[in-house]
Structure formats: C-alpha cells, structure tokens
Protein backbone atom coordinates (compact mmCIF):
# COMPACT_ATOMS: atom_id res chain seq x y z
CA UNK A 1 -18.66 -22.26 30.88
CA UNK A 2 -20.38 -24.47 29.53
CA UNK A 3 -20.55 -28.01 29.31
CA UNK A 4 -20.08 -29.66 26.24
CA UNK A 5 -22.63 -31.55 24.62
CA UNK A 6 -22.84 -35.24 24.91
CA UNK A 7 -23.19 -37.44 21.60
CA UNK A 8 -25.57 -38.80 21.01
CA UNK A 9 -26.32 -42.45 20.67
CA UNK A 10 -26.42 -41.96 16.62
CA UNK A 11 -23.14 -40.06 16.96
CA UNK A 12 -21.36 -42.41 18.75
CA UNK A 13 -22.46 -45.82 16.60
CA UNK A 14 -21.39 -43.51 13.82
CA UNK A 15 -17.75 -43.25 15.30
CA UNK A 16 -17.71 -46.62 16.36
CA UNK A 17 -18.63 -48.31 13.07
CA UNK A 18 -17.96 -45.89 10.47
CA UNK A 19 -14.91 -45.31 8.23
CA UNK A 20 -14.13 -41.76 9.09
CA UNK A 21 -10.56 -40.76 8.29
CA UNK A 22 -9.42 -37.28 9.95
CA UNK A 23 -7.43 -34.30 9.50
CA UNK A 24 -4.08 -34.95 10.72
CA UNK A 25 -4.03 -30.61 11.54
CA UNK A 26 -7.00 -31.14 13.47
CA UNK A 27 -6.38 -34.73 15.07
CA UNK A 28 -2.41 -34.34 16.05
CA UNK A 29 -0.99 -32.58 19.15
CA UNK A 30 1.13 -29.38 18.72
CA UNK A 31 4.10 -31.74 19.38
CA UNK A 32 3.49 -33.86 16.53
CA UNK A 33 2.56 -31.65 14.45
CA UNK A 34 6.20 -29.76 15.25
CA UNK A 35 7.92 -33.14 14.75
CA UNK A 36 6.67 -33.56 11.37
CA UNK A 37 7.97 -30.21 10.67
CA UNK A 38 11.12 -30.74 12.15
CA UNK A 39 11.17 -33.81 10.24
CA UNK A 40 10.93 -32.26 6.83
CA UNK A 41 13.36 -29.74 7.20
CA UNK A 42 15.88 -32.65 6.97
CA UNK A 43 14.36 -34.31 3.61
CA UNK A 44 13.93 -30.30 2.21
CA UNK A 45 17.62 -31.08 2.26
CA UNK A 46 17.78 -34.61 1.13
CA UNK A 47 16.21 -33.29 -1.95
CA UNK A 48 18.18 -30.76 -2.97
CA UNK A 49 20.98 -32.87 -2.92
CA UNK A 50 19.18 -35.84 -5.06
CA UNK A 51 17.73 -34.95 -7.66
CA UNK A 52 18.39 -37.90 -9.85
CA UNK A 53 19.07 -41.98 -8.97
CA UNK A 54 22.98 -41.24 -8.59
CA UNK A 55 22.89 -38.95 -6.38
CA UNK A 56 19.52 -40.21 -4.54
CA UNK A 57 22.10 -43.40 -3.80
CA UNK A 58 24.92 -41.24 -2.68
CA UNK A 59 23.15 -39.57 -0.25
CA UNK A 60 21.29 -42.42 1.11
CA UNK A 61 24.85 -44.29 1.33
CA UNK A 62 25.98 -40.97 3.33
CA UNK A 63 23.47 -41.20 5.95
CA UNK A 64 23.23 -45.02 6.56
CA UNK A 65 27.40 -45.24 6.49
CA UNK A 66 26.77 -42.71 9.37
CA UNK A 67 25.08 -44.85 11.37
CA UNK A 68 27.34 -47.79 10.80
CA UNK A 69 25.43 -49.40 7.83
CA UNK A 70 29.00 -51.44 5.90
CA UNK A 71 28.95 -52.87 2.10
CA UNK A 72 27.50 -56.16 2.10
CA UNK A 73 30.19 -59.47 2.41
CA UNK A 74 28.20 -62.53 0.75
CA UNK A 75 31.12 -64.59 2.16
CA UNK A 76 30.80 -62.93 5.55
CA UNK A 77 28.88 -63.95 8.57
CA UNK A 78 26.15 -61.98 9.63
CA UNK A 79 24.39 -61.74 12.82
CA UNK A 80 20.95 -59.78 14.53
CA UNK A 81 21.90 -56.07 14.31
CA UNK A 82 24.46 -56.18 11.40
CA UNK A 83 23.79 -53.39 9.10
CA UNK A 84 24.82 -53.76 5.35
CA UNK A 85 24.15 -52.15 1.81
CA UNK A 86 24.59 -53.30 -1.28
CA UNK A 87 25.27 -50.20 -3.98
CA UNK A 88 23.80 -51.67 -7.49
CA UNK A 89 25.84 -49.78 -10.39
CA UNK A 90 25.60 -46.41 -8.27
CA UNK A 91 21.91 -46.16 -9.50
CA UNK A 92 20.18 -48.14 -6.98
CA UNK A 93 20.57 -49.49 -3.44
CA UNK A 94 19.65 -52.26 -0.85
CA UNK A 95 19.82 -51.37 2.66
CA UNK A 96 19.67 -54.05 5.28
CA UNK A 97 19.02 -54.67 9.15
CA UNK A 98 19.41 -57.88 10.35
CA UNK A 99 16.81 -59.30 12.76
CA UNK A 100 17.01 -61.13 15.52
CA UNK A 101 14.53 -63.92 14.68
CA UNK A 102 15.69 -66.58 11.94
CA UNK A 103 15.71 -65.35 8.12
CA UNK A 104 13.65 -68.27 7.64
CA UNK A 105 10.49 -66.19 8.91
CA UNK A 106 10.45 -63.93 6.58
CA UNK A 107 11.86 -60.06 5.82
CA UNK A 108 10.26 -56.72 6.00
CA UNK A 109 11.01 -54.81 2.69
CA UNK A 110 10.19 -51.30 1.88
CA UNK A 111 10.41 -49.96 -1.77
CA UNK A 112 10.93 -47.18 -3.25
CA UNK A 113 12.05 -45.87 -6.34
CA UNK A 114 14.43 -43.00 -6.80
CA UNK A 115 14.44 -41.72 -10.77
CA UNK A 116 11.65 -38.90 -11.32
CA UNK A 117 10.14 -37.72 -14.79
CA UNK A 118 12.99 -35.59 -16.24
CA UNK A 119 14.81 -35.00 -19.79
CA UNK A 120 17.88 -36.84 -20.66
CA UNK A 121 20.34 -35.60 -23.04
CA UNK A 122 20.29 -37.62 -26.60
CA UNK A 123 23.31 -39.69 -27.31
CA UNK A 124 24.35 -37.01 -29.52
CA UNK A 125 22.82 -33.79 -28.18
CA UNK A 126 24.77 -30.79 -28.95
CA UNK A 127 23.67 -28.60 -32.30
CA UNK A 128 23.42 -25.08 -32.96
CA UNK A 129 20.66 -23.48 -35.04
CA UNK A 130 20.36 -19.72 -36.14
CA UNK A 131 23.36 -18.62 -34.27
CA UNK A 132 22.56 -20.57 -31.16
CA UNK A 133 23.22 -23.80 -29.43
CA UNK A 134 21.15 -26.48 -28.06
CA UNK A 135 20.93 -30.08 -26.48
CA UNK A 136 18.01 -32.06 -28.25
CA UNK A 137 16.67 -34.08 -25.69
CA UNK A 138 14.67 -37.29 -24.93
CA UNK A 139 11.72 -36.96 -22.36
CA UNK A 140 11.35 -39.89 -19.71
CA UNK A 141 8.69 -40.88 -18.33
CA UNK A 142 4.73 -39.23 -17.86
CA UNK A 143 4.93 -35.72 -18.27
CA UNK A 144 3.01 -32.96 -19.80
CA UNK A 145 5.58 -31.37 -22.32
CA UNK A 146 4.06 -27.52 -22.05
CA UNK A 147 5.22 -27.61 -17.90
CA UNK A 148 8.65 -28.11 -18.67
CA UNK A 149 9.23 -24.99 -20.65
CA UNK A 150 9.97 -21.67 -19.67
CA UNK A 151 11.54 -22.86 -16.17
CA UNK A 152 14.96 -22.70 -15.17
CA UNK A 153 16.63 -26.07 -15.80
CA UNK A 154 19.39 -27.88 -14.10
CA UNK A 155 22.34 -30.42 -15.75
CA UNK A 156 23.19 -33.38 -14.13
CA UNK A 157 24.81 -36.76 -14.46
CA UNK A 158 27.92 -38.50 -15.31
CA UNK A 159 30.16 -38.65 -18.73
CA UNK A 160 32.42 -41.32 -19.19
CA UNK A 161 35.31 -40.32 -21.53
CA UNK A 162 37.15 -42.02 -23.87
CA UNK A 163 40.25 -43.70 -21.42
CA UNK A 164 37.30 -44.61 -19.08
CA UNK A 165 37.35 -42.63 -16.83
CA UNK A 166 34.39 -40.02 -15.10
CA UNK A 167 33.19 -36.56 -14.38
CA UNK A 168 30.57 -35.57 -12.20
CA UNK A 169 28.62 -33.04 -13.51
CA UNK A 170 25.94 -30.56 -11.62
CA UNK A 171 25.20 -27.46 -14.05
CA UNK A 172 22.37 -24.87 -11.99
CA UNK A 173 22.22 -25.84 -8.66
CA UNK A 174 24.67 -23.46 -7.05
CA UNK A 175 23.75 -19.97 -6.27
CA UNK A 176 26.48 -18.44 -9.02
CA UNK A 177 25.83 -21.71 -11.82
CA UNK A 178 23.93 -20.37 -14.80
CA UNK A 179 20.92 -22.22 -15.36
CA UNK A 180 19.34 -23.65 -19.08
CA UNK A 181 15.79 -23.21 -20.10
CA UNK A 182 13.30 -24.25 -22.66
CA UNK A 183 12.10 -21.52 -24.54
CA UNK A 184 8.20 -21.12 -26.32
CA UNK A 185 5.83 -18.85 -28.47
CA UNK A 186 5.15 -15.55 -27.30
CA UNK A 187 1.32 -15.42 -26.85
CA UNK A 188 1.28 -12.68 -30.08
CA UNK A 189 2.57 -15.52 -31.99
CA UNK A 190 1.33 -18.34 -30.33
CA UNK A 191 -2.44 -18.84 -32.18
CA UNK A 192 -2.28 -21.76 -34.10
CA UNK A 193 0.09 -23.17 -31.54
CA UNK A 194 -3.14 -23.01 -28.53
CA UNK A 195 -5.08 -24.77 -31.17
CA UNK A 196 -3.26 -28.24 -31.23
CA UNK A 197 -4.38 -30.37 -28.34
CA UNK A 198 -2.98 -29.93 -24.97
CA UNK A 199 -0.27 -32.66 -25.70
CA UNK A 200 0.70 -31.60 -28.16
CA UNK A 201 0.71 -27.96 -27.67
CA UNK A 202 4.81 -28.66 -26.98
CA UNK A 203 5.40 -31.37 -29.03
CA UNK A 204 8.80 -34.54 -27.75
CA UNK A 205 10.87 -32.26 -30.36
CA UNK A 206 10.37 -28.87 -28.77
CA UNK A 207 12.19 -29.70 -26.23
CA UNK A 208 15.97 -28.66 -26.01
CA UNK A 209 17.61 -26.63 -23.82
CA UNK A 210 19.40 -23.35 -24.68
CA UNK A 211 22.78 -23.61 -23.72
CA UNK A 212 24.61 -20.46 -25.42
CA UNK A 213 24.60 -17.62 -28.11
CA UNK A 214 28.29 -16.74 -28.23
CA UNK A 215 30.51 -17.46 -30.89
CA UNK A 216 33.90 -18.70 -30.75
CA UNK A 217 36.01 -15.27 -31.43
CA UNK A 218 39.07 -16.48 -32.63
CA UNK A 219 37.58 -17.01 -36.23
CA UNK A 220 34.71 -17.52 -38.57
CA UNK A 221 34.35 -21.28 -38.62
CA UNK A 222 30.03 -22.20 -39.28
CA UNK A 223 28.33 -23.57 -35.92
CA UNK A 224 30.98 -20.84 -33.88
CA UNK A 225 28.41 -21.13 -31.26
CA UNK A 226 28.37 -24.61 -30.73
CA UNK A 227 32.44 -24.56 -31.23
CA UNK A 228 32.89 -22.08 -27.90
CA UNK A 229 30.16 -24.60 -26.13
CA UNK A 230 32.19 -27.24 -26.99
CA UNK A 231 35.45 -25.22 -25.90
CA UNK A 232 33.63 -24.35 -22.66
CA UNK A 233 33.07 -28.00 -22.07
CA UNK A 234 36.35 -29.02 -22.82
CA UNK A 235 38.45 -26.52 -20.81
CA UNK A 236 36.03 -27.33 -17.32
CA UNK A 237 35.65 -31.07 -18.11
CA UNK A 238 38.00 -32.46 -20.57
CA UNK A 239 35.51 -33.63 -22.75
CA UNK A 240 35.04 -33.92 -26.60
CA UNK A 241 31.97 -34.36 -28.49
CA UNK A 242 32.01 -38.20 -28.40
CA UNK A 243 32.37 -38.34 -24.94
CA UNK A 244 28.60 -37.94 -25.16
CA UNK A 245 27.74 -40.99 -26.65
CA UNK A 246 28.90 -42.40 -23.40
CA UNK A 247 27.39 -39.88 -20.98
CA UNK A 248 23.99 -40.08 -18.88
CA UNK A 249 22.85 -36.36 -18.51
CA UNK A 250 19.42 -35.41 -17.17
CA UNK A 251 18.19 -32.01 -16.94
CA UNK A 252 15.80 -31.27 -14.27
CA UNK A 253 14.38 -28.71 -12.62
CA UNK A 254 16.69 -25.85 -11.01
CA UNK A 255 14.12 -25.13 -8.06
CA UNK A 256 14.84 -25.35 -4.32
CA UNK A 257 12.90 -27.78 -2.49
CA UNK A 258 10.58 -25.03 -0.54
CA UNK A 259 7.97 -24.35 2.25
CA UNK A 260 4.21 -23.62 0.51
CA UNK A 261 1.33 -22.03 1.83
CA UNK A 262 1.43 -18.83 4.71
CA UNK A 263 1.12 -22.00 6.98
CA UNK A 264 4.08 -23.66 6.04
CA UNK A 265 2.05 -26.55 6.01
CA UNK A 266 3.54 -28.54 2.90
CA UNK A 267 6.56 -28.60 0.63
CA UNK A 268 6.86 -27.61 -3.07
CA UNK A 269 9.75 -29.25 -4.97
CA UNK A 270 10.93 -31.39 -8.05
CA UNK A 271 11.01 -34.97 -7.15
CA UNK A 272 8.31 -35.88 -4.60
CA UNK A 273 7.78 -38.76 -6.85
CA UNK A 274 9.33 -41.20 -4.84
CA UNK A 275 12.20 -39.69 -3.20
CA UNK A 276 8.99 -38.57 -0.46
CA UNK A 277 8.59 -42.32 -0.33
CA UNK A 278 12.52 -42.85 -0.19
CA UNK A 279 13.58 -41.41 1.94
CA UNK A 280 11.07 -42.24 4.47
CA UNK A 281 11.69 -45.63 3.77
CA UNK A 282 15.29 -44.97 4.52
CA UNK A 283 15.38 -43.04 7.75
CA UNK A 284 12.99 -45.62 9.18
CA UNK A 285 15.18 -48.28 8.69
CA UNK A 286 18.04 -46.18 10.43
CA UNK A 287 15.83 -46.04 13.35
CA UNK A 288 14.47 -49.16 13.87
CA UNK A 289 17.73 -50.56 16.19
CA UNK A 290 17.53 -54.18 16.06
CA UNK A 291 14.14 -55.54 14.59
CA UNK A 292 12.49 -59.07 15.10
CA UNK A 293 12.49 -59.50 11.55
CA UNK A 294 15.42 -58.58 9.17
CA UNK A 295 14.44 -55.53 7.27
CA UNK A 296 14.69 -54.40 3.80
CA UNK A 297 14.75 -51.50 2.36
CA UNK A 298 15.16 -50.87 -2.01
CA UNK A 299 15.44 -47.51 -3.65
CA UNK A 300 15.07 -48.62 -7.07
CA UNK A 301 15.93 -46.70 -10.75
CA UNK A 302 13.89 -46.73 -13.89
CA UNK A 303 10.12 -47.01 -12.42
CA UNK A 304 8.88 -44.28 -14.54
CA UNK A 305 9.70 -46.29 -17.73
CA UNK A 306 8.73 -49.89 -16.44
CA UNK A 307 11.23 -50.66 -14.09
CA UNK A 308 13.28 -51.77 -16.66
CA UNK A 309 16.94 -52.51 -16.93
CA UNK A 310 19.72 -53.87 -14.00
CA UNK A 311 18.82 -51.07 -11.93
CA UNK A 312 14.93 -51.49 -12.39
CA UNK A 313 12.97 -53.21 -10.12
CA UNK A 314 11.75 -55.99 -12.60
CA UNK A 315 15.50 -57.35 -12.45
CA UNK A 316 17.14 -59.85 -10.42
CA UNK A 317 18.72 -57.69 -8.45
CA UNK A 318 15.93 -58.36 -4.82
CA UNK A 319 15.81 -61.85 -5.78
CA UNK A 320 19.75 -62.23 -5.93
CA UNK A 321 20.43 -60.48 -2.73
CA UNK A 322 17.46 -62.64 -0.43
CA UNK A 323 20.21 -65.65 -1.75
CA UNK A 324 23.17 -64.54 -0.54
CA UNK A 325 21.00 -62.85 2.98
CA UNK A 326 19.69 -66.95 3.44
CA UNK A 327 22.40 -68.05 2.09
CA UNK A 328 24.59 -66.50 5.07
CA UNK A 329 22.10 -68.28 7.90
CA UNK A 330 21.66 -72.14 5.24
CA UNK A 331 18.19 -71.22 3.62
CA UNK A 332 17.12 -70.94 0.41
CA UNK A 333 16.12 -67.38 -0.52
CA UNK A 334 12.22 -68.24 -2.53
CA UNK A 335 11.70 -69.63 0.92
CA UNK A 336 12.11 -66.63 2.74
CA UNK A 337 10.14 -64.50 0.05
CA UNK A 338 7.96 -66.48 0.71
CA UNK A 339 7.60 -65.73 4.03
CA UNK A 340 8.41 -62.01 3.43
CA UNK A 341 6.08 -58.72 3.26
CA UNK A 342 6.43 -55.87 1.32
CA UNK A 343 5.49 -52.16 1.52
CA UNK A 344 5.33 -51.02 -2.32
CA UNK A 345 6.79 -47.39 -1.34
CA UNK A 346 5.10 -45.04 -3.56
CA UNK A 347 2.92 -41.92 -4.19
CA UNK A 348 -0.55 -41.82 -4.98
CA UNK A 349 -2.78 -38.58 -6.31
CA UNK A 350 -4.35 -36.40 -3.70
CA UNK A 351 -7.46 -34.93 -3.93
CA UNK A 352 -7.10 -31.96 -6.32
CA UNK A 353 -10.65 -29.54 -5.28
CA UNK A 354 -9.91 -27.88 -8.34
CA UNK A 355 -10.10 -30.75 -10.87
CA UNK A 356 -12.93 -33.17 -8.96
CA UNK A 357 -14.12 -34.64 -11.69
CA UNK A 358 -10.99 -37.38 -12.09
CA UNK A 359 -11.85 -38.48 -8.85
CA UNK A 360 -14.22 -40.79 -6.43
CA UNK A 361 -14.18 -38.70 -3.07
CA UNK A 362 -15.14 -41.60 -0.91
CA UNK A 363 -11.67 -43.32 -2.35
CA UNK A 364 -9.82 -40.20 -3.04
CA UNK A 365 -6.41 -39.81 -0.60
CA UNK A 366 -6.30 -35.92 0.59
CA UNK A 367 -2.87 -34.19 1.74
CA UNK A 368 -2.80 -33.99 5.66
CA UNK A 369 -5.32 -37.24 5.82
CA UNK A 370 -1.62 -39.20 6.73
CA UNK A 371 0.20 -42.22 4.62
CA UNK A 372 -2.13 -43.54 1.69
CA UNK A 373 -2.61 -47.63 1.83
CA UNK A 374 -3.41 -48.48 -2.10
CA UNK A 375 -4.99 -51.46 -2.10
CA UNK A 376 -4.52 -52.24 -5.77
CA UNK A 377 -3.67 -49.76 -8.92
CA UNK A 378 -3.41 -50.67 -12.65
CA UNK A 379 -6.13 -48.92 -14.84
CA UNK A 380 -9.55 -49.84 -15.69
CA UNK A 381 -10.44 -53.61 -14.86
CA UNK A 382 -7.31 -53.50 -12.56
CA UNK A 383 -5.30 -53.76 -15.65
CA UNK A 384 -1.02 -53.88 -14.66
CA UNK A 385 -1.47 -54.00 -10.93
CA UNK A 386 -0.59 -56.13 -7.72
CA UNK A 387 -4.14 -56.60 -5.75
CA UNK A 388 -3.19 -56.80 -1.93
CA UNK A 389 -5.01 -59.43 0.00
CA UNK A 390 -7.48 -59.20 2.72
CA UNK A 391 -5.19 -60.87 5.22
CA UNK A 392 -2.42 -58.83 4.12
CA UNK A 393 -4.25 -55.45 4.50
CA UNK A 394 -5.78 -56.44 8.07
CA UNK A 395 -1.87 -56.50 9.07
CA UNK A 396 -1.07 -53.71 7.66
CA UNK A 397 -4.30 -51.30 9.33
CA UNK A 398 -3.16 -53.05 12.67
CA UNK A 399 0.64 -52.48 12.14
CA UNK A 400 -0.16 -48.52 11.86
CA UNK A 401 -2.97 -48.31 14.38
CA UNK A 402 -0.57 -50.12 16.68
CA UNK A 403 1.59 -47.38 16.75
CA UNK A 404 -0.65 -44.40 16.43
CA UNK A 405 0.34 -43.60 12.52
CA UNK A 406 -2.46 -41.68 10.88
CA UNK A 407 -3.03 -43.42 7.56
CA UNK A 408 -6.53 -43.66 4.96
CA UNK A 409 -7.03 -45.82 1.28
CA UNK A 410 -7.00 -43.73 -2.10
CA UNK A 411 -7.41 -44.95 -5.54
CA UNK A 412 -5.14 -43.64 -8.75
CA UNK A 413 -8.59 -41.61 -9.94
CA UNK A 414 -11.68 -43.30 -11.32
CA UNK A 415 -12.00 -46.36 -12.74
CA UNK A 416 -12.08 -45.15 -16.13
CA UNK A 417 -10.29 -42.09 -15.89
CA UNK A 418 -6.60 -43.66 -16.24
CA UNK A 419 -4.95 -45.44 -13.30
CA UNK A 420 -0.97 -46.16 -13.43
CA UNK A 421 1.43 -49.22 -11.81
CA UNK A 422 4.13 -49.00 -9.07
CA UNK A 423 6.81 -51.84 -7.93
CA UNK A 424 4.18 -53.55 -6.16
CA UNK A 425 3.29 -56.26 -9.18
CA UNK A 426 7.36 -57.13 -9.53
CA UNK A 427 7.98 -58.02 -6.24
CA UNK A 428 4.35 -59.87 -5.78
CA UNK A 429 5.77 -62.42 -8.62
CA UNK A 430 8.67 -63.06 -5.80
CA UNK A 431 5.94 -64.82 -3.69
CA UNK A 432 5.68 -61.91 -1.56
CA UNK A 433 2.73 -60.34 -0.02
CA UNK A 434 2.41 -56.81 -1.07
CA UNK A 435 0.54 -53.93 -0.84
CA UNK A 436 1.19 -50.16 -1.93
CA UNK A 437 1.27 -47.39 0.72
CA UNK A 438 2.77 -43.66 0.56
CA UNK A 439 2.33 -40.02 0.42
CA UNK A 440 -0.43 -38.26 -1.21
CA UNK A 441 0.85 -35.57 -4.00
CA UNK A 442 -0.60 -32.46 -5.45
CA UNK A 443 0.81 -32.16 -9.36
CA UNK A 444 2.25 -35.95 -9.67
CA UNK A 445 4.74 -35.82 -12.71
CA UNK A 446 4.94 -32.17 -12.57
CA UNK A 447 8.12 -29.87 -12.59
CA UNK A 448 7.01 -29.22 -9.24
CA UNK A 449 4.65 -30.84 -6.66
CA UNK A 450 3.58 -30.28 -3.63
CA UNK A 451 3.22 -32.81 -0.86
CA UNK A 452 1.85 -31.91 3.10
CA UNK A 453 4.77 -31.82 5.94
CA UNK A 454 1.99 -34.40 8.08
CA UNK A 455 1.84 -37.03 5.05
CA UNK A 456 5.72 -37.36 4.82
CA UNK A 457 5.92 -37.61 8.82
CA UNK A 458 3.29 -40.27 8.56
CA UNK A 459 4.80 -42.28 5.63
CA UNK A 460 8.06 -42.83 8.16
CA UNK A 461 5.94 -43.65 11.23
CA UNK A 462 4.05 -46.04 8.91
CA UNK A 463 7.48 -47.82 7.34
CA UNK A 464 9.08 -47.62 10.86
CA UNK A 465 5.85 -49.49 12.60
CA UNK A 466 6.16 -52.28 9.56
CA UNK A 467 9.67 -52.61 10.41
CA UNK A 468 9.53 -52.97 14.04
CA UNK A 469 6.79 -55.55 13.92
C-alpha cells in the first residue's frame, strides 16, 4: 500500500491562510449526507402542501402546534421555554420560543418570505373568446413570461362570498383534478413572434388561462361556454361571478417536488424562493429547545413585490410583536430590537456554468457548497440593500464554524449585471444587526427551480446554530 504523500509547506500554508469553500458531497461524511437526504423528504412534502402564502401559514402552524406552540396572548405571562405564535391574517406568521436570558438582551430572528412569483387572477377575470373560456391574469413578482406557457397549472386561493362566508379553492394538485394551461403559438406560425425581444415574446396580456371549451347545452345564449363555467363553479363552490371581486386566486405550476439527477442530489420544484429558507427557519425553531436568547421566526408575505401591505415585512407586524413580547417582561420593544440579531433567510443565485457571464466565480455561490451568506444585495452601487457590519459577519462566522455548518459567501451577480433585494433592509431599519443567509438556487423565479439537498440541510443547521447561540 502506497504511503500518502505529505503536503508541501506551500500547500499547508495555503490551506491555513486562503478562503477555500468545499463541495459538501466531497467533504461531508456519508452519515451527514444521508441526514440531508432524509431531512429533504419532509421538505418536499411541505413544498407540495404550501404552494401559496396562505397554504404555507397553515402548514407551518400545523408543524408548530404539533410541537407544542400555542397562540400568543399579549396579556398572559411568559416564561423560558414557552412557545407561541401569531397568525397575521392567514398570510404571515410569527413564531417564538422564549429564552432563558432576559429579553432585554435581545432576540434572535430568522425572517423568510412565503410568497413566490406567480400569476394572480384579475378582479373580474372570467371571459369567453371564440367559444373558449379564459381567466384573465396579472403576473406577480419578477418572471420570464414565456416560461409560464404550455405547462400544467393549478388554481389556489380563497373566495369570500357576498354573505361573508369563505370557500377555499385548490384545483389541479390532486391526481384526479383537471389542470389549466396558457397557450402559445406553434413554431410554424410564430416567426414574427420570435423576432420580438425575449421580454415581449409573451406579453403580460397574453397570459390568459384556458379553463374550458364546452357550451352550456340548455339554450343558445351568447357566451354559453362562460355560462357553463359559471354554472360549474356555482354547483361546486356556491359562488357567482361577482364573488371574484372579493377573492384571492393564484395560478401556480401543478408540478410536484421531485428529486433531480441520477444521483438524486437535488430537488426540483415550484416555490423554492423562498420556502427553501422558510422551512428550515421553522424546523430550526422547533428544534432549538429552550435557547439562551428568545428565538423568533417570521414568515412574511409580499416580498416579491416589495414587502408591501400589512402582511409584508415593511408593515409594523414585527415591531408590534416585539413591543408586546417586551412588555410581558417590563421592557420596551425598541430596546429589545437594538440588542437583537437577524438572519434574513432568503435565497441567492447559484452559479450556472451554462450562463457564467453574469457571475464572478470567486464571489458566486455554488450548488452543494452549503448555505450562502450574502453580506449585501442591491444593485450597482449597493442600491436598495442592507450591508451587514464586519462585527456581525464575524459573529455569524463563529456561530456556523462552531457547529461545523458548511457555508459559503456569494453576491447576486456582477456589480452592473442586475442585483436584487430582500427583507434585510426593513429589519435593519429597526436597529437590528441583519445579514442575508439562504440556499443557492438554479433557475430562480422560474416555474421549476432547483436546489441541492445538502444546501437545504445546511440552512437548517445554520439557523439552528444561530438560535442556540
């Protein structure tokens, strides 16, 4: 048996002094890779159950209640180990485990968003054209519109009837359900269409959902295909056309989460951005026991359109909760926030070797290299970003290294190539030390995104390491 060659002095020095991120599939032991695979089986189940923000809230509450969480009562006393949650209008969620240290020492926050790019129905969506029935849509978030044609789509959401009663809609996910589709031109007739810029190959007003083609048979009424659809909806849900005016209906891909690759090392699904961070942020909280610092996980809505509204991260939802939490211990909320830390749990773009020109490899996240820390996002001259301090970056490094978490750093592309924003800036505005940390994603914002199982598991370990500081 040959003796293993000893490392040279230069190799040893390079190993000691250089930044050398490592591929987890090479570095991790077989047992840890198996743990990552097992963890991701439950994550895939979550993805299939939680394709909208409302469904994500329901699924997260089910997980939390099974772990002993109860609704937060601002007038009830709190003690170390208590587990509470606040459901904000069914579209955002706050979870907390009370720590053993005084709340005046600050809290540990993991903040993710649970909305994803999609298509929304317009307020008055149903129409007929050439004896075909359609839903008219308005796209939500940053998408490549051409990616949403000729794929199976499902319809999710809630409708509030005139009498105030509600009905939940989920069509296209069950094996026996119909699905829907947005049509596209055949190549033979699409020559002029293909001359358009990519952003206009499919225009926003072309994203109309095909939902029916059979006429109502009882008479020759005009728009009889539309009438037939209305009749089906009335029989199934007890709604009439004006009920669409008080509805939130979302169109999402009907794909199920699946393993990708012959080695099953990746997961393909709709909505990894940002449920691939939301799920680990929840599971870490459920696993943190009684932490020293009170641990809080936030799942917010509306990040894909600027964190707006009363369920988005720009709202007072977080500071109001911290105010109530602080008051339970005789403290002031802003004092607690100023001592707190936050991981803005959001994804970053993974290096795609097919499209390398938009990335700088030395500052790009890679699949299988672990959770990605993004010191700042924004675009150009760091516009629209939160820039984490050196001191806070140092703390996060120590926490992750202390728990042997596989991690890397990354930027969102070249300086002038684009960029993007996260919820980090809104939490940092509350005087909280904040940095972005999440899973690298291939095909981000596409109907089918891809992540590494190792990276998903490392996100869980990273959030847990921070909560147990």
